[in-house]
C-alpha cells in the first residue's frame, strides 16, 4: 500500500528541510512505499527555494505551490487533488508530529483494516511536550463538547495528524474548510458517514522555530460552523451520505 504524506507549509524555512528529510529517512528505513507532497502555501520567505533544492536529493518528494485562496485547509485540499497513494496522511511542517508515529499509523491501518487512523495526544501512552496552557484548556473544552454532541469516545478530534484511505477521502467530499477547521471537518465527516477508524496514541512536540499559523481569535466561529455542519448531517440527513448508502447508489 502506497502512502502519500501531505505537508502544508507557509513560511517554514526554519524547519521544512529537516522535517522532510526526517520523514523520508523513516519511511525508507521502514521500507514503506511512499510519496511526500509538500504544498507551499504562498510562502514569502525561502521555503520555496529550499524545497526546490531538496527535491534534488530527497527521493519521492514533490513540491507544489497552491493557487489562491490560501490557508491551511486550502493547502491540504490542494494536496488532496494530487496524491497518488492508497492512503494519505496530513503531517505538520513544524515537526510537531514524529516520523515514527507516521509509520505506526501506517501499520495500524494495514493490521486493523480500517479506513482511518486518528492520532490522540491525550492517551496514557501519548507524549506531549510544551503544549501552551491556554491552548490546552481550550483544546480539552472543544474536544469534550464534540464528544458530547456526537456521542463518540475519541478525545482529540482537533488533532491535525491523521491518516485516511483514498476511499475515506473521496467519501467525505466535498471538503469545505479553508483554514484549520479542516482538521475537524475530515474526521467528523468520516465518523458521521460510517467509515471505520482506530485511535493511536501519538507524540506532539511544540515547534522550535517559526510561528504557529493557528490564530485562535480567528478560528472560533469557523470551528463552530464546521462542528454544527457535521452535527446537522449526523442527526438530520437520515444517513443519505453514509459510506454504505453512497456505495449502494
C-alpha atoms as a PDB file:
ATOM      1  CA  UNK A   1       0.000   0.000   0.000  1.00  0.00           C
ATOM      2  CA  UNK A   2       1.465   3.309  -1.106  1.00  0.00           C
ATOM      3  CA  UNK A   3       1.441   6.098   1.477  1.00  0.00           C
ATOM      4  CA  UNK A   4       1.134   9.746   0.493  1.00  0.00           C
ATOM      5  CA  UNK A   5       2.215  12.346   3.051  1.00  0.00           C
ATOM      6  CA  UNK A   6       0.791  15.836   2.565  1.00  0.00           C
ATOM      7  CA  UNK A   7       2.725  18.595   4.335  1.00  0.00           C
ATOM      8  CA  UNK A   8       1.179  22.087   4.078  1.00  0.00           C
ATOM      9  CA  UNK A   9       3.879  24.731   4.536  1.00  0.00           C
ATOM     10  CA  UNK A  10       3.610  28.504   4.931  1.00  0.00           C
ATOM     11  CA  UNK A  11       6.828  30.363   5.761  1.00  0.00           C
ATOM     12  CA  UNK A  12       8.549  27.313   7.240  1.00  0.00           C
ATOM     13  CA  UNK A  13      12.122  27.993   6.093  1.00  0.00           C
ATOM     14  CA  UNK A  14      13.459  27.199   9.558  1.00  0.00           C
ATOM     15  CA  UNK A  15      12.185  23.635   9.668  1.00  0.00           C
ATOM     16  CA  UNK A  16      10.857  22.382   6.337  1.00  0.00           C
ATOM     17  CA  UNK A  17      14.097  20.721   5.220  1.00  0.00           C
ATOM     18  CA  UNK A  18      14.674  18.875   8.491  1.00  0.00           C
ATOM     19  CA  UNK A  19      11.007  17.792   8.598  1.00  0.00           C
ATOM     20  CA  UNK A  20      11.025  16.431   5.045  1.00  0.00           C
ATOM     21  CA  UNK A  21      14.355  14.659   5.476  1.00  0.00           C
ATOM     22  CA  UNK A  22      13.242  13.072   8.751  1.00  0.00           C
ATOM     23  CA  UNK A  23      10.030  11.748   7.185  1.00  0.00           C
ATOM     24  CA  UNK A  24      11.900  10.434   4.138  1.00  0.00           C
ATOM     25  CA  UNK A  25      14.539   8.736   6.267  1.00  0.00           C
ATOM     26  CA  UNK A  26      11.947   7.000   8.454  1.00  0.00           C
ATOM     27  CA  UNK A  27       9.776   5.736   5.605  1.00  0.00           C
ATOM     28  CA  UNK A  28      12.766   4.499   3.629  1.00  0.00           C
ATOM     29  CA  UNK A  29      14.114   2.715   6.709  1.00  0.00           C
ATOM     30  CA  UNK A  30      10.731   1.051   7.239  1.00  0.00           C
ATOM     31  CA  UNK A  31      10.560   0.096   3.553  1.00  0.00           C
ATOM     32  CA  UNK A  32       7.223   1.878   3.084  1.00  0.00           C
ATOM     33  CA  UNK A  33       6.275   2.754  -0.483  1.00  0.00           C
ATOM     34  CA  UNK A  34       5.531   6.468  -0.343  1.00  0.00           C
ATOM     35  CA  UNK A  35       5.485   9.961  -1.743  1.00  0.00           C
ATOM     36  CA  UNK A  36       5.976  13.223   0.166  1.00  0.00           C
ATOM     37  CA  UNK A  37       3.867  16.048  -1.208  1.00  0.00           C
ATOM     38  CA  UNK A  38       4.738  19.474   0.225  1.00  0.00           C
ATOM     39  CA  UNK A  39       2.236  22.200  -0.588  1.00  0.00           C
ATOM     40  CA  UNK A  40       3.859  25.626  -0.399  1.00  0.00           C
ATOM     41  CA  UNK A  41       1.033  27.841   0.833  1.00  0.00           C
ATOM     42  CA  UNK A  42       2.037  31.246  -0.557  1.00  0.00           C
ATOM     43  CA  UNK A  43       5.276  31.438   1.430  1.00  0.00           C
ATOM     44  CA  UNK A  44       7.063  34.789   1.338  1.00  0.00           C
ATOM     45  CA  UNK A  45      10.317  33.510   2.862  1.00  0.00           C
ATOM     46  CA  UNK A  46      12.776  30.939   1.464  1.00  0.00           C
ATOM     47  CA  UNK A  47      10.503  27.914   1.869  1.00  0.00           C
ATOM     48  CA  UNK A  48      10.027  27.543  -1.892  1.00  0.00           C
ATOM     49  CA  UNK A  49      13.732  27.855  -2.650  1.00  0.00           C
ATOM     50  CA  UNK A  50      14.593  25.266  -0.016  1.00  0.00           C
ATOM     51  CA  UNK A  51      12.025  22.856  -1.413  1.00  0.00           C
ATOM     52  CA  UNK A  52      13.406  23.275  -4.921  1.00  0.00           C
ATOM     53  CA  UNK A  53      16.857  22.337  -3.661  1.00  0.00           C
ATOM     54  CA  UNK A  54      15.922  19.318  -1.572  1.00  0.00           C
ATOM     55  CA  UNK A  55      13.795  17.796  -4.334  1.00  0.00           C
ATOM     56  CA  UNK A  56      17.142  17.067  -5.981  1.00  0.00           C
ATOM     57  CA  UNK A  57      18.280  14.806  -3.142  1.00  0.00           C
ATOM     58  CA  UNK A  58      15.174  13.548  -1.319  1.00  0.00           C
ATOM     59  CA  UNK A  59      13.575  10.534  -3.022  1.00  0.00           C
ATOM     60  CA  UNK A  60       9.832  10.649  -3.720  1.00  0.00           C
ATOM     61  CA  UNK A  61       9.494  14.356  -2.797  1.00  0.00           C
ATOM     62  CA  UNK A  62       7.167  16.576  -4.822  1.00  0.00           C
ATOM     63  CA  UNK A  63       6.790  20.280  -4.099  1.00  0.00           C
ATOM     64  CA  UNK A  64       3.839  22.235  -5.428  1.00  0.00           C
ATOM     65  CA  UNK A  65       2.587  25.758  -4.815  1.00  0.00           C
ATOM     66  CA  UNK A  66      -1.146  26.084  -4.342  1.00  0.00           C
ATOM     67  CA  UNK A  67      -3.199  28.710  -6.073  1.00  0.00           C
ATOM     68  CA  UNK A  68      -5.350  31.280  -4.226  1.00  0.00           C
ATOM     69  CA  UNK A  69      -7.201  31.285  -1.934  1.00  0.00           C
ATOM     70  CA  UNK A  70      -4.632  30.427   0.706  1.00  0.00           C
ATOM     71  CA  UNK A  71      -4.872  28.959   4.179  1.00  0.00           C
ATOM     72  CA  UNK A  72      -4.065  25.681   5.922  1.00  0.00           C
ATOM     73  CA  UNK A  73      -7.232  23.960   4.743  1.00  0.00           C
ATOM     74  CA  UNK A  74      -6.833  25.239   1.188  1.00  0.00           C
ATOM     75  CA  UNK A  75      -3.273  23.897   1.072  1.00  0.00           C
ATOM     76  CA  UNK A  76      -4.362  20.456   2.291  1.00  0.00           C
ATOM     77  CA  UNK A  77      -7.281  20.398  -0.139  1.00  0.00           C
ATOM     78  CA  UNK A  78      -4.907  21.281  -2.968  1.00  0.00           C
ATOM     79  CA  UNK A  79      -2.637  18.405  -1.999  1.00  0.00           C
ATOM     80  CA  UNK A  80      -5.605  16.034  -1.870  1.00  0.00           C
ATOM     81  CA  UNK A  81      -6.203  16.709  -5.560  1.00  0.00           C
ATOM     82  CA  UNK A  82      -2.821  15.300  -6.487  1.00  0.00           C
ATOM     83  CA  UNK A  83      -1.875  12.500  -4.086  1.00  0.00           C
ATOM     84  CA  UNK A  84      -1.338   9.100  -5.686  1.00  0.00           C
ATOM     85  CA  UNK A  85      -1.272   6.707  -2.726  1.00  0.00           C
ATOM     86  CA  UNK A  86      -3.915   4.326  -1.429  1.00  0.00           C
ATOM     87  CA  UNK A  87      -3.619   6.155   1.893  1.00  0.00           C
ATOM     88  CA  UNK A  88      -2.818   9.764   2.749  1.00  0.00           C
ATOM     89  CA  UNK A  89      -1.546  11.374   5.948  1.00  0.00           C
ATOM     90  CA  UNK A  90      -1.777  15.027   6.967  1.00  0.00           C
ATOM     91  CA  UNK A  91       1.581  15.889   8.556  1.00  0.00           C
ATOM     92  CA  UNK A  92       2.642  19.188  10.101  1.00  0.00           C
ATOM     93  CA  UNK A  93       5.637  21.049   8.658  1.00  0.00           C
ATOM     94  CA  UNK A  94       6.752  22.343  12.057  1.00  0.00           C
ATOM     95  CA  UNK A  95       7.914  18.892  13.264  1.00  0.00           C
ATOM     96  CA  UNK A  96       5.269  18.750  15.991  1.00  0.00           C
ATOM     97  CA  UNK A  97       4.496  15.248  14.665  1.00  0.00           C
ATOM     98  CA  UNK A  98       7.067  12.452  14.592  1.00  0.00           C
ATOM     99  CA  UNK A  99       8.075  10.218  11.676  1.00  0.00           C
ATOM    100  CA  UNK A 100       7.945   7.193  13.982  1.00  0.00           C
ATOM    101  CA  UNK A 101       4.236   7.825  14.577  1.00  0.00           C
ATOM    102  CA  UNK A 102       3.679   8.118  10.841  1.00  0.00           C
ATOM    103  CA  UNK A 103       4.989   4.589  10.369  1.00  0.00           C
ATOM    104  CA  UNK A 104       2.924   3.440  13.355  1.00  0.00           C
ATOM    105  CA  UNK A 105      -0.261   4.887  11.816  1.00  0.00           C
ATOM    106  CA  UNK A 106       0.507   3.158   8.519  1.00  0.00           C
ATOM    107  CA  UNK A 107       0.984  -0.230  10.196  1.00  0.00           C
ATOM    108  CA  UNK A 108      -2.205   0.245  12.235  1.00  0.00           C
ATOM    109  CA  UNK A 109      -4.266   0.882   9.096  1.00  0.00           C
ATOM    110  CA  UNK A 110      -2.974  -2.301   7.481  1.00  0.00           C
ATOM    111  CA  UNK A 111      -3.176  -4.511  10.554  1.00  0.00           C
ATOM    112  CA  UNK A 112      -6.647  -3.357  11.649  1.00  0.00           C
ATOM    113  CA  UNK A 113      -8.028  -2.953   8.126  1.00  0.00           C
ATOM    114  CA  UNK A 114      -9.633   0.419   8.830  1.00  0.00           C
ATOM    115  CA  UNK A 115     -10.399   3.450   6.677  1.00  0.00           C
ATOM    116  CA  UNK A 116      -8.866   5.975   9.076  1.00  0.00           C
ATOM    117  CA  UNK A 117      -6.223   6.180  11.787  1.00  0.00           C
ATOM    118  CA  UNK A 118      -6.685   9.068  14.214  1.00  0.00           C
ATOM    119  CA  UNK A 119      -3.921  10.262  16.486  1.00  0.00           C
ATOM    120  CA  UNK A 120      -4.599  11.176  20.103  1.00  0.00           C
ATOM    121  CA  UNK A 121      -2.299  13.292  22.225  1.00  0.00           C
ATOM    122  CA  UNK A 122      -4.276  12.569  25.375  1.00  0.00           C
ATOM    123  CA  UNK A 123      -3.991   8.829  25.942  1.00  0.00           C
ATOM    124  CA  UNK A 124      -1.842   7.269  28.669  1.00  0.00           C
ATOM    125  CA  UNK A 125       0.744   6.232  26.092  1.00  0.00           C
ATOM    126  CA  UNK A 126       0.817   9.663  24.408  1.00  0.00           C
ATOM    127  CA  UNK A 127       3.611  12.191  24.872  1.00  0.00           C
ATOM    128  CA  UNK A 128       3.100  15.960  24.784  1.00  0.00           C
ATOM    129  CA  UNK A 129       5.953  18.453  25.068  1.00  0.00           C
ATOM    130  CA  UNK A 130       5.473  22.174  25.856  1.00  0.00           C
ATOM    131  CA  UNK A 131       1.781  22.453  24.993  1.00  0.00           C
ATOM    132  CA  UNK A 132       0.736  26.065  25.844  1.00  0.00           C
ATOM    133  CA  UNK A 133      -1.581  26.076  28.853  1.00  0.00           C
ATOM    134  CA  UNK A 134      -4.250  28.344  27.342  1.00  0.00           C
ATOM    135  CA  UNK A 135      -4.397  26.234  24.181  1.00  0.00           C
ATOM    136  CA  UNK A 136      -4.558  23.099  26.352  1.00  0.00           C
ATOM    137  CA  UNK A 137      -7.614  24.349  28.254  1.00  0.00           C
ATOM    138  CA  UNK A 138      -9.317  25.409  25.040  1.00  0.00           C
ATOM    139  CA  UNK A 139      -8.407  22.145  23.324  1.00  0.00           C
ATOM    140  CA  UNK A 140      -9.899  19.978  26.040  1.00  0.00           C
ATOM    141  CA  UNK A 141     -13.079  22.081  26.215  1.00  0.00           C
ATOM    142  CA  UNK A 142     -13.678  21.886  22.456  1.00  0.00           C
ATOM    143  CA  UNK A 143     -12.972  18.164  22.293  1.00  0.00           C
ATOM    144  CA  UNK A 144     -15.249  17.395  25.240  1.00  0.00           C
ATOM    145  CA  UNK A 145     -18.020  19.377  23.536  1.00  0.00           C
ATOM    146  CA  UNK A 146     -17.522  17.403  20.322  1.00  0.00           C
ATOM    147  CA  UNK A 147     -17.606  14.111  22.242  1.00  0.00           C
ATOM    148  CA  UNK A 148     -20.940  15.073  23.834  1.00  0.00           C
ATOM    149  CA  UNK A 149     -22.539  16.327  20.617  1.00  0.00           C
ATOM    150  CA  UNK A 150     -21.544  13.328  18.522  1.00  0.00           C
ATOM    151  CA  UNK A 151     -21.605  10.608  21.156  1.00  0.00           C
ATOM    152  CA  UNK A 152     -18.058   9.449  20.456  1.00  0.00           C
ATOM    153  CA  UNK A 153     -15.200   8.360  22.697  1.00  0.00           C
ATOM    154  CA  UNK A 154     -12.436   9.772  20.517  1.00  0.00           C
ATOM    155  CA  UNK A 155     -10.898  12.613  22.544  1.00  0.00           C
ATOM    156  CA  UNK A 156      -8.675  14.515  20.072  1.00  0.00           C
ATOM    157  CA  UNK A 157     -10.730  15.408  17.005  1.00  0.00           C
ATOM    158  CA  UNK A 158      -8.828  18.699  16.624  1.00  0.00           C
ATOM    159  CA  UNK A 159      -5.529  16.863  16.192  1.00  0.00           C
ATOM    160  CA  UNK A 160      -4.348  17.535  12.623  1.00  0.00           C
ATOM    161  CA  UNK A 161      -2.221  14.383  12.429  1.00  0.00           C
ATOM    162  CA  UNK A 162      -4.380  11.681  10.861  1.00  0.00           C
ATOM    163  CA  UNK A 163      -4.250   9.008   8.177  1.00  0.00           C
ATOM    164  CA  UNK A 164      -7.057   8.324   5.689  1.00  0.00           C
ATOM    165  CA  UNK A 165      -7.645   5.750   2.987  1.00  0.00           C
ATOM    166  CA  UNK A 166      -8.305   7.086  -0.500  1.00  0.00           C
ATOM    167  CA  UNK A 167     -11.840   5.689  -0.141  1.00  0.00           C
ATOM    168  CA  UNK A 168     -12.428   7.743   3.013  1.00  0.00           C
ATOM    169  CA  UNK A 169     -11.110  10.974   1.474  1.00  0.00           C
ATOM    170  CA  UNK A 170     -13.350  10.593  -1.557  1.00  0.00           C
ATOM    171  CA  UNK A 171     -16.213   9.726   0.786  1.00  0.00           C
ATOM    172  CA  UNK A 172     -16.002  12.967   2.793  1.00  0.00           C
ATOM    173  CA  UNK A 173     -16.011  15.228  -0.253  1.00  0.00           C
ATOM    174  CA  UNK A 174     -16.821  17.996  -0.899  1.00  0.00           C
ATOM    175  CA  UNK A 175     -14.380  19.361   1.679  1.00  0.00           C
ATOM    176  CA  UNK A 176     -15.337  22.871   2.737  1.00  0.00           C
ATOM    177  CA  UNK A 177     -12.842  24.206   5.278  1.00  0.00           C
ATOM    178  CA  UNK A 178     -10.223  26.717   4.059  1.00  0.00           C
ATOM    179  CA  UNK A 179      -8.448  27.007   7.403  1.00  0.00           C
ATOM    180  CA  UNK A 180      -7.542  24.884  10.437  1.00  0.00           C
ATOM    181  CA  UNK A 181     -11.164  23.842  10.873  1.00  0.00           C
ATOM    182  CA  UNK A 182     -10.356  21.259   8.195  1.00  0.00           C
ATOM    183  CA  UNK A 183      -8.717  19.260  10.998  1.00  0.00           C
ATOM    184  CA  UNK A 184     -12.207  18.864  12.492  1.00  0.00           C
ATOM    185  CA  UNK A 185     -14.172  18.504   9.262  1.00  0.00           C
ATOM    186  CA  UNK A 186     -12.303  15.474   7.920  1.00  0.00           C
ATOM    187  CA  UNK A 187     -12.584  13.186  10.971  1.00  0.00           C
ATOM    188  CA  UNK A 188     -16.123  14.219  11.906  1.00  0.00           C
ATOM    189  CA  UNK A 189     -17.393  13.604   8.382  1.00  0.00           C
ATOM    190  CA  UNK A 190     -15.569  10.266   8.286  1.00  0.00           C
ATOM    191  CA  UNK A 191     -17.142   9.233  11.592  1.00  0.00           C
ATOM    192  CA  UNK A 192     -20.633  10.512  10.747  1.00  0.00           C
ATOM    193  CA  UNK A 193     -20.530   8.826   7.348  1.00  0.00           C
ATOM    194  CA  UNK A 194     -19.626   5.470   8.837  1.00  0.00           C
ATOM    195  CA  UNK A 195     -16.005   4.977   7.815  1.00  0.00           C
ATOM    196  CA  UNK A 196     -14.101   2.671  10.137  1.00  0.00           C
ATOM    197  CA  UNK A 197     -11.303   4.061  12.287  1.00  0.00           C
ATOM    198  CA  UNK A 198      -8.906   3.278  15.065  1.00  0.00           C
ATOM    199  CA  UNK A 199      -7.220   5.624  17.545  1.00  0.00           C
ATOM    200  CA  UNK A 200      -3.456   5.521  18.088  1.00  0.00           C
ATOM    201  CA  UNK A 201      -1.594   7.475  20.793  1.00  0.00           C
ATOM    202  CA  UNK A 202       0.869   9.911  19.289  1.00  0.00           C
ATOM    203  CA  UNK A 203       3.579  12.356  20.289  1.00  0.00           C
ATOM    204  CA  UNK A 204       3.235  16.131  19.956  1.00  0.00           C
ATOM    205  CA  UNK A 205       6.217  18.480  20.368  1.00  0.00           C
ATOM    206  CA  UNK A 206       5.859  22.258  20.282  1.00  0.00           C
ATOM    207  CA  UNK A 207       7.651  23.911  17.384  1.00  0.00           C
ATOM    208  CA  UNK A 208      11.203  25.136  17.927  1.00  0.00           C
ATOM    209  CA  UNK A 209      11.326  27.572  15.001  1.00  0.00           C
ATOM    210  CA  UNK A 210       8.905  29.946  13.305  1.00  0.00           C
ATOM    211  CA  UNK A 211       5.434  30.932  14.461  1.00  0.00           C
ATOM    212  CA  UNK A 212       2.245  28.941  14.839  1.00  0.00           C
ATOM    213  CA  UNK A 213      -0.159  29.599  11.960  1.00  0.00           C
ATOM    214  CA  UNK A 214      -3.209  28.852  14.114  1.00  0.00           C
ATOM    215  CA  UNK A 215      -4.832  32.141  15.152  1.00  0.00           C
ATOM    216  CA  UNK A 216      -7.292  31.227  17.894  1.00  0.00           C
ATOM    217  CA  UNK A 217      -9.264  34.504  17.731  1.00  0.00           C
ATOM    218  CA  UNK A 218      -9.889  33.994  14.029  1.00  0.00           C
ATOM    219  CA  UNK A 219     -10.856  30.329  14.285  1.00  0.00           C
ATOM    220  CA  UNK A 220     -13.632  30.241  16.912  1.00  0.00           C
ATOM    221  CA  UNK A 221     -16.592  30.820  14.603  1.00  0.00           C
ATOM    222  CA  UNK A 222     -15.033  28.692  11.856  1.00  0.00           C
ATOM    223  CA  UNK A 223     -14.647  25.696  14.168  1.00  0.00           C
ATOM    224  CA  UNK A 224     -18.208  26.203  15.412  1.00  0.00           C
ATOM    225  CA  UNK A 225     -19.554  26.364  11.868  1.00  0.00           C
ATOM    226  CA  UNK A 226     -17.990  23.086  10.785  1.00  0.00           C
ATOM    227  CA  UNK A 227     -18.968  21.333  14.042  1.00  0.00           C
ATOM    228  CA  UNK A 228     -22.597  22.414  13.562  1.00  0.00           C
ATOM    229  CA  UNK A 229     -22.467  21.449   9.882  1.00  0.00           C
ATOM    230  CA  UNK A 230     -21.388  17.904  10.753  1.00  0.00           C
ATOM    231  CA  UNK A 231     -23.834  17.791  13.684  1.00  0.00           C
ATOM    232  CA  UNK A 232     -26.749  18.626  11.378  1.00  0.00           C
ATOM    233  CA  UNK A 233     -25.633  15.965   8.931  1.00  0.00           C
ATOM    234  CA  UNK A 234     -25.419  13.366  11.689  1.00  0.00           C
ATOM    235  CA  UNK A 235     -28.870  13.975  13.118  1.00  0.00           C
ATOM    236  CA  UNK A 236     -30.940  15.233  10.162  1.00  0.00           C
ATOM    237  CA  UNK A 237     -29.536  13.689   6.952  1.00  0.00           C
ATOM    238  CA  UNK A 238     -31.169  10.293   7.644  1.00  0.00           C
ATOM    239  CA  UNK A 239     -27.994   8.504   6.544  1.00  0.00           C
ATOM    240  CA  UNK A 240     -28.057   9.809   2.981  1.00  0.00           C
ATOM    241  CA  UNK A 241     -24.303  10.433   2.973  1.00  0.00           C
ATOM    242  CA  UNK A 242     -23.020   7.371   4.791  1.00  0.00           C
ATOM    243  CA  UNK A 243     -20.371   5.182   3.205  1.00  0.00           C
ATOM    244  CA  UNK A 244     -22.769   2.247   2.778  1.00  0.00           C
ATOM    245  CA  UNK A 245     -25.545   4.380   1.311  1.00  0.00           C
ATOM    246  CA  UNK A 246     -23.246   6.062  -1.197  1.00  0.00           C
ATOM    247  CA  UNK A 247     -21.829   2.680  -2.217  1.00  0.00           C
ATOM    248  CA  UNK A 248     -25.350   1.396  -2.915  1.00  0.00           C
ATOM    249  CA  UNK A 249     -26.245   4.398  -5.041  1.00  0.00           C
END
